[in-house]
Amino acid sequence: VPPSCVTSFIIAITCFLAGSWWGISLAKMPVNAGILIAPIVSNALVLLSVIALWQGNKTIFLLNQIVVFLILLIGEHILRPFTQAPPYYRHMRLWVTLTVIVIHVLQLLFSL
C-alpha cells in the first residue's frame, strides 16, 4: 500500500530533522571527538521510521514516530554538537520538534 501524503510528509520531516544532525555534528566536532555518533543515530532513526511505515500499521507507525521525535529532542539537548548551538536555534528546534510530537499524539488519539 503506498503511503499517504501525510505519512510521506512525516517521513520527510523525520529525514530533515535527523539529517540536520549530520551537518551540525560535522561542522561542530573535531574529527577525533566521536563525530560519528550523531550521524549513526540519525540514520538509525530514519531507518526505524521507514521500517515502521513499511509494516503498514498506522498506530505502530505513529507510536514509532513519537518515540523517534522524542529521541531527536533529547539528543539535541544532551549531545555536545547541539548544546553548542545558538540559543535562538535550540529554542526554535525545541518548538518545532514539540509541535511535531503533539501533532503525532493528536493524530494517534483521533485514529483510535
N, C-alpha and C. Protein backbone atom coordinates (compact mmCIF):
# COMPACT_ATOMS: atom_id res chain seq x y z
N VAL A 1 0.86 -1.18 0.00
CA VAL A 1 0.00 0.00 0.00
C VAL A 1 0.90 1.23 0.00
N PRO A 2 0.73 2.13 -0.97
CA PRO A 2 1.57 3.33 -0.99
C PRO A 2 1.23 4.26 0.18
N PRO A 3 2.22 4.95 0.71
CA PRO A 3 1.96 5.84 1.84
C PRO A 3 1.09 7.03 1.41
N SER A 4 0.32 7.55 2.34
CA SER A 4 -0.48 8.74 2.07
C SER A 4 0.43 9.96 2.03
N CYS A 5 -0.15 11.08 1.63
CA CYS A 5 0.62 12.33 1.62
C CYS A 5 1.09 12.69 3.03
N VAL A 6 0.24 12.42 4.02
CA VAL A 6 0.61 12.76 5.41
C VAL A 6 1.78 11.91 5.87
N THR A 7 1.74 10.60 5.63
CA THR A 7 2.85 9.76 6.08
C THR A 7 4.12 10.07 5.30
N SER A 8 3.98 10.42 4.03
CA SER A 8 5.16 10.83 3.25
C SER A 8 5.76 12.10 3.84
N PHE A 9 4.91 13.04 4.25
CA PHE A 9 5.40 14.27 4.86
C PHE A 9 6.06 13.99 6.20
N ILE A 10 5.48 13.07 6.97
CA ILE A 10 6.08 12.69 8.26
C ILE A 10 7.49 12.13 8.05
N ILE A 11 7.64 11.27 7.06
CA ILE A 11 8.97 10.71 6.75
C ILE A 11 9.91 11.83 6.31
N ALA A 12 9.41 12.76 5.52
CA ALA A 12 10.25 13.88 5.07
C ALA A 12 10.72 14.72 6.25
N ILE A 13 9.84 15.01 7.21
CA ILE A 13 10.22 15.78 8.40
C ILE A 13 11.24 15.00 9.23
N THR A 14 11.02 13.69 9.35
CA THR A 14 11.98 12.85 10.08
C THR A 14 13.36 12.94 9.42
N CYS A 15 13.38 12.80 8.10
CA CYS A 15 14.66 12.87 7.37
C CYS A 15 15.32 14.24 7.54
N PHE A 16 14.51 15.31 7.49
CA PHE A 16 15.07 16.65 7.64
C PHE A 16 15.67 16.84 9.03
N LEU A 17 14.89 16.54 10.07
CA LEU A 17 15.38 16.75 11.44
C LEU A 17 16.58 15.85 11.75
N ALA A 18 16.48 14.58 11.37
CA ALA A 18 17.60 13.67 11.61
C ALA A 18 18.79 14.02 10.72
N GLY A 19 18.51 14.41 9.50
CA GLY A 19 19.60 14.76 8.57
C GLY A 19 20.38 15.98 9.00
N SER A 20 19.72 16.90 9.69
CA SER A 20 20.45 18.09 10.14
C SER A 20 21.51 17.73 11.17
N TRP A 21 21.33 16.56 11.82
CA TRP A 21 22.37 16.09 12.76
C TRP A 21 23.70 15.91 12.04
N TRP A 22 23.67 15.46 10.79
CA TRP A 22 24.91 15.27 10.02
C TRP A 22 25.67 16.58 9.92
N GLY A 23 25.00 17.60 9.38
CA GLY A 23 25.68 18.88 9.17
C GLY A 23 26.16 19.51 10.44
N ILE A 24 25.33 19.49 11.46
CA ILE A 24 25.71 20.11 12.73
C ILE A 24 26.89 19.37 13.36
N SER A 25 26.83 18.04 13.37
CA SER A 25 27.93 17.30 14.02
C SER A 25 29.21 17.43 13.21
N LEU A 26 29.12 17.42 11.89
CA LEU A 26 30.33 17.55 11.08
C LEU A 26 30.94 18.95 11.18
N ALA A 27 30.09 19.96 11.34
CA ALA A 27 30.60 21.33 11.41
C ALA A 27 31.13 21.68 12.80
N LYS A 28 30.60 21.05 13.83
CA LYS A 28 30.91 21.47 15.20
C LYS A 28 31.93 20.60 15.93
N MET A 29 32.17 19.39 15.46
CA MET A 29 33.02 18.47 16.21
C MET A 29 34.33 18.20 15.48
N PRO A 30 35.45 18.16 16.23
CA PRO A 30 36.71 17.74 15.62
C PRO A 30 36.63 16.27 15.22
N VAL A 31 37.43 15.87 14.26
CA VAL A 31 37.37 14.53 13.70
C VAL A 31 37.54 13.44 14.75
N ASN A 32 38.33 13.65 15.75
CA ASN A 32 38.60 12.60 16.73
C ASN A 32 37.67 12.65 17.94
N ALA A 33 36.54 13.35 17.86
CA ALA A 33 35.70 13.55 19.05
C ALA A 33 34.37 12.82 18.97
N GLY A 34 34.38 11.64 18.43
CA GLY A 34 33.12 10.89 18.36
C GLY A 34 32.15 11.48 17.37
N ILE A 35 32.67 11.99 16.28
CA ILE A 35 31.87 12.69 15.28
C ILE A 35 30.79 11.81 14.67
N LEU A 36 30.98 10.50 14.69
CA LEU A 36 30.04 9.61 14.01
C LEU A 36 28.80 9.26 14.83
N ILE A 37 28.78 9.60 16.10
CA ILE A 37 27.64 9.22 16.94
C ILE A 37 26.35 9.82 16.41
N ALA A 38 26.31 11.12 16.18
CA ALA A 38 25.08 11.76 15.72
C ALA A 38 24.64 11.25 14.35
N PRO A 39 25.53 11.14 13.35
CA PRO A 39 25.08 10.60 12.06
C PRO A 39 24.59 9.16 12.14
N ILE A 40 25.23 8.33 12.95
CA ILE A 40 24.78 6.93 13.07
C ILE A 40 23.41 6.87 13.73
N VAL A 41 23.22 7.62 14.80
CA VAL A 41 21.91 7.63 15.47
C VAL A 41 20.85 8.19 14.52
N SER A 42 21.16 9.25 13.80
CA SER A 42 20.17 9.84 12.90
C SER A 42 19.79 8.86 11.79
N ASN A 43 20.76 8.14 11.26
CA ASN A 43 20.44 7.12 10.24
C ASN A 43 19.58 6.01 10.81
N ALA A 44 19.89 5.59 12.02
CA ALA A 44 19.09 4.53 12.65
C ALA A 44 17.65 5.00 12.85
N LEU A 45 17.46 6.25 13.24
CA LEU A 45 16.10 6.77 13.44
C LEU A 45 15.31 6.82 12.14
N VAL A 46 15.97 7.24 11.07
CA VAL A 46 15.29 7.28 9.76
C VAL A 46 14.95 5.86 9.32
N LEU A 47 15.87 4.92 9.50
CA LEU A 47 15.59 3.52 9.13
C LEU A 47 14.43 2.96 9.95
N LEU A 48 14.40 3.25 11.24
CA LEU A 48 13.27 2.80 12.07
C LEU A 48 11.95 3.38 11.56
N SER A 49 11.98 4.63 11.15
CA SER A 49 10.76 5.26 10.63
C SER A 49 10.29 4.60 9.35
N VAL A 50 11.22 4.31 8.45
CA VAL A 50 10.86 3.68 7.19
C VAL A 50 10.34 2.26 7.43
N ILE A 51 10.99 1.52 8.31
CA ILE A 51 10.53 0.16 8.64
C ILE A 51 9.13 0.21 9.25
N ALA A 52 8.90 1.17 10.16
CA ALA A 52 7.58 1.30 10.77
C ALA A 52 6.52 1.64 9.72
N LEU A 53 6.89 2.44 8.74
CA LEU A 53 5.96 2.76 7.65
C LEU A 53 5.67 1.53 6.81
N TRP A 54 6.71 0.76 6.47
CA TRP A 54 6.54 -0.42 5.62
C TRP A 54 5.68 -1.49 6.26
N GLN A 55 5.68 -1.58 7.59
CA GLN A 55 4.92 -2.65 8.22
C GLN A 55 3.42 -2.42 8.09
N GLY A 56 2.98 -1.21 7.76
CA GLY A 56 1.61 -0.97 7.37
C GLY A 56 0.59 -0.70 8.45
N ASN A 57 0.99 -0.65 9.72
CA ASN A 57 0.05 -0.39 10.80
C ASN A 57 0.19 1.07 11.23
N LYS A 58 -0.88 1.84 11.04
CA LYS A 58 -0.82 3.28 11.32
C LYS A 58 -0.51 3.57 12.79
N THR A 59 -1.10 2.82 13.70
CA THR A 59 -0.86 3.04 15.13
C THR A 59 0.60 2.81 15.48
N ILE A 60 1.17 1.72 14.99
CA ILE A 60 2.58 1.43 15.26
C ILE A 60 3.47 2.50 14.64
N PHE A 61 3.12 2.93 13.43
CA PHE A 61 3.90 3.98 12.76
C PHE A 61 3.88 5.27 13.59
N LEU A 62 2.70 5.69 14.03
CA LEU A 62 2.61 6.93 14.80
C LEU A 62 3.33 6.82 16.14
N LEU A 63 3.18 5.68 16.83
CA LEU A 63 3.91 5.48 18.09
C LEU A 63 5.42 5.52 17.85
N ASN A 64 5.87 4.88 16.79
CA ASN A 64 7.29 4.89 16.43
C ASN A 64 7.76 6.33 16.20
N GLN A 65 6.97 7.11 15.47
CA GLN A 65 7.38 8.47 15.16
C GLN A 65 7.42 9.34 16.42
N ILE A 66 6.51 9.13 17.33
CA ILE A 66 6.55 9.87 18.59
C ILE A 66 7.85 9.57 19.32
N VAL A 67 8.24 8.30 19.38
CA VAL A 67 9.49 7.91 20.03
C VAL A 67 10.69 8.49 19.29
N VAL A 68 10.68 8.42 17.96
CA VAL A 68 11.78 8.96 17.16
C VAL A 68 11.96 10.45 17.43
N PHE A 69 10.87 11.21 17.43
CA PHE A 69 10.99 12.65 17.67
C PHE A 69 11.38 12.96 19.11
N LEU A 70 10.96 12.14 20.06
CA LEU A 70 11.42 12.33 21.44
C LEU A 70 12.93 12.09 21.54
N ILE A 71 13.42 11.06 20.85
CA ILE A 71 14.87 10.80 20.84
C ILE A 71 15.62 11.97 20.20
N LEU A 72 15.09 12.49 19.10
CA LEU A 72 15.72 13.65 18.47
C LEU A 72 15.74 14.84 19.43
N LEU A 73 14.63 15.06 20.11
CA LEU A 73 14.54 16.17 21.06
C LEU A 73 15.54 16.01 22.20
N ILE A 74 15.60 14.83 22.77
CA ILE A 74 16.53 14.56 23.87
C ILE A 74 17.97 14.67 23.38
N GLY A 75 18.26 14.08 22.22
CA GLY A 75 19.60 14.13 21.67
C GLY A 75 20.09 15.55 21.45
N GLU A 76 19.19 16.42 21.02
CA GLU A 76 19.59 17.80 20.78
C GLU A 76 19.84 18.57 22.07
N HIS A 77 19.46 17.99 23.19
CA HIS A 77 19.73 18.65 24.46
C HIS A 77 20.84 18.00 25.27
N ILE A 78 21.35 16.83 24.81
CA ILE A 78 22.42 16.19 25.57
C ILE A 78 23.70 15.97 24.75
N LEU A 79 23.59 15.88 23.42
CA LEU A 79 24.79 15.64 22.61
C LEU A 79 25.54 16.95 22.39
N ARG A 80 26.83 16.88 22.52
CA ARG A 80 27.69 18.07 22.52
C ARG A 80 27.53 18.99 21.31
N PRO A 81 27.47 18.48 20.08
CA PRO A 81 27.37 19.44 18.97
C PRO A 81 26.13 20.32 19.05
N PHE A 82 25.06 19.80 19.63
CA PHE A 82 23.81 20.54 19.66
C PHE A 82 23.73 21.49 20.85
N THR A 83 24.40 21.14 21.93
CA THR A 83 24.38 22.01 23.10
C THR A 83 25.18 23.28 22.84
N GLN A 84 26.02 23.28 21.81
CA GLN A 84 26.81 24.45 21.46
C GLN A 84 26.11 25.35 20.45
N ALA A 85 24.92 24.97 20.01
CA ALA A 85 24.17 25.78 19.05
C ALA A 85 23.69 27.06 19.72
N PRO A 86 23.47 28.10 18.92
CA PRO A 86 22.97 29.35 19.50
C PRO A 86 21.60 29.14 20.16
N PRO A 87 21.34 29.88 21.23
CA PRO A 87 20.06 29.71 21.95
C PRO A 87 18.82 29.86 21.06
N TYR A 88 18.83 30.82 20.13
CA TYR A 88 17.65 31.00 19.28
C TYR A 88 17.39 29.75 18.45
N TYR A 89 18.45 29.08 17.98
CA TYR A 89 18.30 27.88 17.17
C TYR A 89 17.78 26.72 18.02
N ARG A 90 18.34 26.58 19.20
CA ARG A 90 17.89 25.50 20.11
C ARG A 90 16.43 25.70 20.49
N HIS A 91 16.04 26.95 20.73
CA HIS A 91 14.66 27.26 21.08
C HIS A 91 13.73 26.93 19.90
N MET A 92 14.11 27.31 18.70
CA MET A 92 13.31 27.03 17.52
C MET A 92 13.17 25.53 17.31
N ARG A 93 14.27 24.78 17.42
CA ARG A 93 14.21 23.32 17.25
C ARG A 93 13.36 22.67 18.32
N LEU A 94 13.44 23.17 19.54
CA LEU A 94 12.60 22.65 20.62
C LEU A 94 11.13 22.77 20.24
N TRP A 95 10.72 23.95 19.81
CA TRP A 95 9.31 24.17 19.50
C TRP A 95 8.87 23.44 18.24
N VAL A 96 9.72 23.35 17.25
CA VAL A 96 9.37 22.59 16.04
C VAL A 96 9.17 21.12 16.40
N THR A 97 10.10 20.55 17.14
CA THR A 97 10.02 19.14 17.49
C THR A 97 8.84 18.87 18.42
N LEU A 98 8.60 19.73 19.40
CA LEU A 98 7.44 19.56 20.28
C LEU A 98 6.13 19.65 19.49
N THR A 99 6.07 20.56 18.54
CA THR A 99 4.87 20.69 17.70
C THR A 99 4.64 19.41 16.91
N VAL A 100 5.69 18.87 16.33
CA VAL A 100 5.58 17.63 15.57
C VAL A 100 5.11 16.48 16.47
N ILE A 101 5.64 16.41 17.68
CA ILE A 101 5.22 15.36 18.62
C ILE A 101 3.74 15.51 18.96
N VAL A 102 3.31 16.72 19.26
CA VAL A 102 1.90 16.95 19.60
C VAL A 102 0.99 16.58 18.43
N ILE A 103 1.38 16.93 17.22
CA ILE A 103 0.59 16.57 16.04
C ILE A 103 0.47 15.05 15.93
N HIS A 104 1.56 14.35 16.17
CA HIS A 104 1.52 12.88 16.11
C HIS A 104 0.63 12.29 17.20
N VAL A 105 0.72 12.84 18.40
CA VAL A 105 -0.12 12.35 19.50
C VAL A 105 -1.59 12.58 19.16
N LEU A 106 -1.92 13.76 18.66
CA LEU A 106 -3.32 14.05 18.29
C LEU A 106 -3.79 13.13 17.17
N GLN A 107 -2.94 12.93 16.18
CA GLN A 107 -3.31 12.03 15.08
C GLN A 107 -3.53 10.62 15.61
N LEU A 108 -2.69 10.18 16.52
CA LEU A 108 -2.84 8.85 17.12
C LEU A 108 -4.16 8.76 17.91
N LEU A 109 -4.45 9.76 18.71
CA LEU A 109 -5.67 9.75 19.51
C LEU A 109 -6.92 9.75 18.64
N PHE A 110 -6.90 10.50 17.55
CA PHE A 110 -8.07 10.57 16.68
C PHE A 110 -8.20 9.35 15.77
N SER A 111 -7.15 8.56 15.68
CA SER A 111 -7.23 7.37 14.83
C SER A 111 -7.62 6.11 15.61
N LEU A 112 -7.68 6.21 16.93
CA LEU A 112 -8.03 5.04 17.75
C LEU A 112 -9.53 4.78 17.74
